[in-house]
Amino acid sequence: MLKYNSEDIFNAEKSPEIGKELDVLKEQTAHTPVYFKTEIIISYLKNHCIQNTWIAANPELVRLLLSNRLITKHIESLFDFCRMKPIYSRDFESYIKMKLLKQ
C-alpha cells in the first residue's frame, strides 16, 4: 500500500492563483469544441505537446493554446514542480478537469 502525506496531495486552497487562471482559461476556451478539451489543455500545459489526433479533432483549441494569449504561468509552474510527485500530479490534473468541466 502506498503511503503519502498531505504534501503529496494537491490542495486548491493553498494555490488560489491556480483556480483564478483556470477560471479565466475556461472562459477563454468556452467557445471551442469539447473534443479532447481537457486532454489537450493538460498535455500542453504539462509537457508542451499535443497528440496529432487531438489536433485534428480540435484545431481551434490548439490554435488558441499555441497563440500564447492565455495566461497560464502558475499552472505550468505547478506542473514543473510536481514532475516527480505522481500522486500530486494526478490530483492536480483531476482538479483541472473538474474546474474546466464544471457547469
N, C-alpha and C. Protein backbone atom coordinates (compact mmCIF):
# COMPACT_ATOMS: atom_id res chain seq x y z
N MET A 1 0.84 -1.18 0.00
CA MET A 1 0.00 0.00 0.00
C MET A 1 0.89 1.24 0.00
N LEU A 2 0.53 2.21 -0.85
CA LEU A 2 1.29 3.46 -0.92
C LEU A 2 1.03 4.32 0.30
N LYS A 3 2.08 4.87 0.82
CA LYS A 3 1.93 5.82 1.93
C LYS A 3 2.31 7.19 1.42
N TYR A 4 1.53 8.17 1.80
CA TYR A 4 1.81 9.54 1.39
C TYR A 4 1.32 10.48 2.48
N ASN A 5 1.83 11.67 2.45
CA ASN A 5 1.40 12.66 3.43
C ASN A 5 0.64 13.78 2.72
N SER A 6 0.15 14.71 3.48
CA SER A 6 -0.71 15.76 2.93
C SER A 6 0.03 16.63 1.91
N GLU A 7 1.33 16.68 1.96
CA GLU A 7 2.10 17.47 1.00
C GLU A 7 2.16 16.79 -0.37
N ASP A 8 1.80 15.52 -0.44
CA ASP A 8 1.79 14.78 -1.70
C ASP A 8 0.49 14.99 -2.47
N ILE A 9 -0.48 15.66 -1.87
CA ILE A 9 -1.80 15.84 -2.47
C ILE A 9 -2.01 17.31 -2.80
N PHE A 10 -2.49 17.57 -4.01
CA PHE A 10 -2.77 18.94 -4.42
C PHE A 10 -3.91 19.51 -3.57
N ASN A 11 -3.72 20.71 -3.08
CA ASN A 11 -4.73 21.39 -2.27
C ASN A 11 -5.01 22.74 -2.92
N ALA A 12 -6.17 22.87 -3.52
CA ALA A 12 -6.54 24.10 -4.24
C ALA A 12 -6.55 25.32 -3.34
N GLU A 13 -6.85 25.14 -2.07
CA GLU A 13 -6.89 26.27 -1.14
C GLU A 13 -5.52 26.90 -0.94
N LYS A 14 -4.47 26.12 -1.14
CA LYS A 14 -3.11 26.63 -0.98
C LYS A 14 -2.60 27.31 -2.25
N SER A 15 -3.37 27.21 -3.34
CA SER A 15 -2.95 27.77 -4.63
C SER A 15 -4.11 28.51 -5.29
N PRO A 16 -4.58 29.60 -4.69
CA PRO A 16 -5.73 30.30 -5.27
C PRO A 16 -5.45 30.87 -6.66
N GLU A 17 -4.19 31.18 -6.96
CA GLU A 17 -3.86 31.70 -8.28
C GLU A 17 -4.11 30.66 -9.38
N ILE A 18 -3.99 29.38 -9.02
CA ILE A 18 -4.28 28.30 -9.98
C ILE A 18 -5.77 28.33 -10.33
N GLY A 19 -6.60 28.42 -9.34
CA GLY A 19 -8.04 28.47 -9.57
C GLY A 19 -8.45 29.66 -10.41
N LYS A 20 -7.83 30.80 -10.17
CA LYS A 20 -8.12 32.00 -10.96
C LYS A 20 -7.72 31.81 -12.42
N GLU A 21 -6.52 31.27 -12.63
CA GLU A 21 -6.07 31.02 -14.00
C GLU A 21 -6.98 30.04 -14.71
N LEU A 22 -7.42 29.01 -14.01
CA LEU A 22 -8.31 28.02 -14.62
C LEU A 22 -9.68 28.62 -14.94
N ASP A 23 -10.17 29.50 -14.09
CA ASP A 23 -11.45 30.17 -14.37
C ASP A 23 -11.35 31.00 -15.65
N VAL A 24 -10.25 31.73 -15.79
CA VAL A 24 -10.04 32.54 -16.99
C VAL A 24 -9.84 31.64 -18.20
N LEU A 25 -9.07 30.58 -18.05
CA LEU A 25 -8.84 29.64 -19.14
C LEU A 25 -10.16 29.01 -19.61
N LYS A 26 -11.00 28.64 -18.67
CA LYS A 26 -12.30 28.07 -19.01
C LYS A 26 -13.13 29.07 -19.81
N GLU A 27 -13.12 30.30 -19.36
CA GLU A 27 -13.88 31.35 -20.05
C GLU A 27 -13.33 31.59 -21.46
N GLN A 28 -12.01 31.62 -21.59
CA GLN A 28 -11.39 31.91 -22.88
C GLN A 28 -11.49 30.76 -23.87
N THR A 29 -11.75 29.56 -23.37
CA THR A 29 -11.86 28.39 -24.26
C THR A 29 -13.31 27.91 -24.38
N ALA A 30 -14.24 28.62 -23.81
CA ALA A 30 -15.64 28.19 -23.78
C ALA A 30 -16.22 28.03 -25.19
N HIS A 31 -15.77 28.83 -26.13
CA HIS A 31 -16.30 28.79 -27.49
C HIS A 31 -15.71 27.65 -28.33
N THR A 32 -14.70 26.96 -27.83
CA THR A 32 -14.06 25.90 -28.60
C THR A 32 -14.81 24.58 -28.40
N PRO A 33 -14.69 23.68 -29.37
CA PRO A 33 -15.36 22.37 -29.23
C PRO A 33 -14.85 21.60 -28.00
N VAL A 34 -15.64 20.65 -27.56
CA VAL A 34 -15.29 19.90 -26.35
C VAL A 34 -14.37 18.71 -26.64
N TYR A 35 -14.17 18.39 -27.91
CA TYR A 35 -13.39 17.20 -28.27
C TYR A 35 -11.98 17.26 -27.67
N PHE A 36 -11.70 16.34 -26.75
CA PHE A 36 -10.39 16.20 -26.10
C PHE A 36 -9.95 17.49 -25.39
N LYS A 37 -10.89 18.33 -25.01
CA LYS A 37 -10.53 19.64 -24.44
C LYS A 37 -9.62 19.52 -23.22
N THR A 38 -10.03 18.75 -22.23
CA THR A 38 -9.19 18.66 -21.02
C THR A 38 -7.87 17.97 -21.32
N GLU A 39 -7.90 16.96 -22.16
CA GLU A 39 -6.66 16.25 -22.51
C GLU A 39 -5.66 17.18 -23.20
N ILE A 40 -6.17 17.97 -24.13
CA ILE A 40 -5.30 18.91 -24.87
C ILE A 40 -4.72 19.95 -23.92
N ILE A 41 -5.57 20.54 -23.10
CA ILE A 41 -5.11 21.59 -22.20
C ILE A 41 -4.08 21.05 -21.22
N ILE A 42 -4.38 19.93 -20.59
CA ILE A 42 -3.44 19.36 -19.62
C ILE A 42 -2.13 18.97 -20.29
N SER A 43 -2.20 18.28 -21.41
CA SER A 43 -0.99 17.85 -22.09
C SER A 43 -0.12 19.04 -22.51
N TYR A 44 -0.77 20.06 -23.03
CA TYR A 44 0.00 21.23 -23.48
C TYR A 44 0.64 21.96 -22.30
N LEU A 45 -0.13 22.19 -21.25
CA LEU A 45 0.41 22.94 -20.11
C LEU A 45 1.42 22.12 -19.31
N LYS A 46 1.29 20.83 -19.34
CA LYS A 46 2.20 19.95 -18.61
C LYS A 46 3.49 19.68 -19.37
N ASN A 47 3.36 19.38 -20.67
CA ASN A 47 4.53 18.92 -21.44
C ASN A 47 4.77 19.69 -22.74
N HIS A 48 3.94 20.65 -23.04
CA HIS A 48 4.00 21.40 -24.30
C HIS A 48 3.98 20.47 -25.51
N CYS A 49 3.12 19.46 -25.42
CA CYS A 49 2.92 18.57 -26.56
C CYS A 49 1.44 18.20 -26.64
N ILE A 50 1.00 17.92 -27.87
CA ILE A 50 -0.39 17.57 -28.12
C ILE A 50 -0.40 16.47 -29.18
N GLN A 51 -1.17 15.43 -28.93
CA GLN A 51 -1.25 14.32 -29.88
C GLN A 51 -1.88 14.79 -31.19
N ASN A 52 -1.41 14.24 -32.29
CA ASN A 52 -1.92 14.60 -33.61
C ASN A 52 -3.42 14.37 -33.75
N THR A 53 -3.92 13.28 -33.16
CA THR A 53 -5.36 13.02 -33.26
C THR A 53 -6.17 14.09 -32.55
N TRP A 54 -5.63 14.63 -31.46
CA TRP A 54 -6.32 15.71 -30.74
C TRP A 54 -6.29 16.99 -31.56
N ILE A 55 -5.17 17.25 -32.22
CA ILE A 55 -5.06 18.45 -33.07
C ILE A 55 -6.11 18.40 -34.17
N ALA A 56 -6.24 17.24 -34.80
CA ALA A 56 -7.22 17.09 -35.88
C ALA A 56 -8.65 17.24 -35.36
N ALA A 57 -8.90 16.78 -34.15
CA ALA A 57 -10.24 16.82 -33.58
C ALA A 57 -10.64 18.21 -33.07
N ASN A 58 -9.65 19.00 -32.64
CA ASN A 58 -9.97 20.29 -32.03
C ASN A 58 -8.91 21.35 -32.39
N PRO A 59 -8.79 21.66 -33.68
CA PRO A 59 -7.75 22.60 -34.10
C PRO A 59 -7.95 24.02 -33.55
N GLU A 60 -9.17 24.41 -33.30
CA GLU A 60 -9.44 25.75 -32.78
C GLU A 60 -8.83 25.92 -31.38
N LEU A 61 -9.01 24.93 -30.52
CA LEU A 61 -8.43 24.98 -29.18
C LEU A 61 -6.91 24.97 -29.26
N VAL A 62 -6.37 24.13 -30.13
CA VAL A 62 -4.91 24.05 -30.27
C VAL A 62 -4.34 25.39 -30.73
N ARG A 63 -4.97 26.01 -31.71
CA ARG A 63 -4.51 27.33 -32.17
C ARG A 63 -4.52 28.34 -31.04
N LEU A 64 -5.57 28.31 -30.22
CA LEU A 64 -5.67 29.23 -29.10
C LEU A 64 -4.54 29.01 -28.09
N LEU A 65 -4.28 27.76 -27.77
CA LEU A 65 -3.19 27.45 -26.83
C LEU A 65 -1.83 27.87 -27.39
N LEU A 66 -1.62 27.64 -28.67
CA LEU A 66 -0.33 27.97 -29.28
C LEU A 66 -0.15 29.47 -29.52
N SER A 67 -1.22 30.22 -29.42
CA SER A 67 -1.14 31.66 -29.66
C SER A 67 -0.42 32.42 -28.55
N ASN A 68 -0.23 31.79 -27.41
CA ASN A 68 0.39 32.41 -26.23
C ASN A 68 -0.41 33.60 -25.70
N ARG A 69 -1.71 33.64 -25.99
CA ARG A 69 -2.56 34.70 -25.45
C ARG A 69 -3.14 34.32 -24.10
N LEU A 70 -3.04 33.07 -23.73
CA LEU A 70 -3.60 32.60 -22.47
C LEU A 70 -2.56 32.71 -21.37
N ILE A 71 -2.99 33.19 -20.22
CA ILE A 71 -2.08 33.33 -19.09
C ILE A 71 -2.19 32.07 -18.23
N THR A 72 -1.11 31.30 -18.24
CA THR A 72 -1.10 30.00 -17.54
C THR A 72 0.19 29.76 -16.78
N LYS A 73 0.90 30.81 -16.43
CA LYS A 73 2.23 30.64 -15.83
C LYS A 73 2.19 29.89 -14.50
N HIS A 74 1.17 30.11 -13.68
CA HIS A 74 1.10 29.39 -12.40
C HIS A 74 0.80 27.91 -12.61
N ILE A 75 -0.10 27.62 -13.53
CA ILE A 75 -0.43 26.22 -13.82
C ILE A 75 0.81 25.49 -14.33
N GLU A 76 1.50 26.10 -15.29
CA GLU A 76 2.70 25.47 -15.86
C GLU A 76 3.80 25.31 -14.81
N SER A 77 3.95 26.29 -13.95
CA SER A 77 4.96 26.19 -12.89
C SER A 77 4.64 25.05 -11.93
N LEU A 78 3.36 24.89 -11.62
CA LEU A 78 3.00 23.80 -10.72
C LEU A 78 3.22 22.44 -11.38
N PHE A 79 2.97 22.34 -12.68
CA PHE A 79 3.30 21.09 -13.37
C PHE A 79 4.80 20.81 -13.30
N ASP A 80 5.63 21.82 -13.45
CA ASP A 80 7.07 21.63 -13.32
C ASP A 80 7.43 21.15 -11.92
N PHE A 81 6.80 21.75 -10.93
CA PHE A 81 7.05 21.39 -9.53
C PHE A 81 6.71 19.93 -9.24
N CYS A 82 5.62 19.44 -9.82
CA CYS A 82 5.15 18.11 -9.43
C CYS A 82 5.59 16.99 -10.39
N ARG A 83 6.56 17.25 -11.23
CA ARG A 83 7.03 16.22 -12.17
C ARG A 83 7.43 14.91 -11.48
N MET A 84 8.02 15.00 -10.34
CA MET A 84 8.49 13.82 -9.63
C MET A 84 7.55 13.43 -8.48
N LYS A 85 6.34 13.96 -8.52
CA LYS A 85 5.35 13.67 -7.48
C LYS A 85 4.09 13.14 -8.16
N PRO A 86 4.04 11.86 -8.47
CA PRO A 86 2.92 11.33 -9.26
C PRO A 86 1.55 11.48 -8.61
N ILE A 87 1.45 11.33 -7.32
CA ILE A 87 0.15 11.46 -6.65
C ILE A 87 -0.31 12.91 -6.72
N TYR A 88 0.59 13.82 -6.45
CA TYR A 88 0.28 15.24 -6.51
C TYR A 88 -0.13 15.63 -7.93
N SER A 89 0.60 15.16 -8.91
CA SER A 89 0.31 15.45 -10.30
C SER A 89 -1.06 14.92 -10.69
N ARG A 90 -1.38 13.70 -10.29
CA ARG A 90 -2.68 13.11 -10.59
C ARG A 90 -3.81 13.94 -9.98
N ASP A 91 -3.64 14.34 -8.72
CA ASP A 91 -4.65 15.16 -8.05
C ASP A 91 -4.80 16.51 -8.72
N PHE A 92 -3.69 17.10 -9.12
CA PHE A 92 -3.72 18.39 -9.80
C PHE A 92 -4.46 18.27 -11.13
N GLU A 93 -4.18 17.23 -11.88
CA GLU A 93 -4.87 17.02 -13.16
C GLU A 93 -6.36 16.79 -12.94
N SER A 94 -6.72 16.08 -11.91
CA SER A 94 -8.14 15.87 -11.60
C SER A 94 -8.83 17.19 -11.26
N TYR A 95 -8.13 18.03 -10.53
CA TYR A 95 -8.66 19.36 -10.20
C TYR A 95 -8.88 20.18 -11.46
N ILE A 96 -7.92 20.15 -12.37
CA ILE A 96 -8.05 20.90 -13.63
C ILE A 96 -9.26 20.40 -14.40
N LYS A 97 -9.41 19.09 -14.52
CA LYS A 97 -10.57 18.54 -15.24
C LYS A 97 -11.87 18.99 -14.59
N MET A 98 -11.92 18.92 -13.27
CA MET A 98 -13.13 19.32 -12.56
C MET A 98 -13.45 20.80 -12.82
N LYS A 99 -12.45 21.65 -12.75
CA LYS A 99 -12.66 23.09 -12.96
C LYS A 99 -13.11 23.39 -14.39
N LEU A 100 -12.51 22.72 -15.35
CA LEU A 100 -12.84 23.00 -16.75
C LEU A 100 -14.18 22.40 -17.18
N LEU A 101 -14.60 21.32 -16.56
CA LEU A 101 -15.83 20.66 -16.95
C LEU A 101 -17.04 21.10 -16.14
N LYS A 102 -16.79 21.74 -15.01
CA LYS A 102 -17.87 22.17 -14.13
C LYS A 102 -18.76 23.20 -14.82
N GLN A 103 -20.06 23.00 -14.72
CA GLN A 103 -21.01 23.93 -15.35
C GLN A 103 -21.17 25.19 -14.55
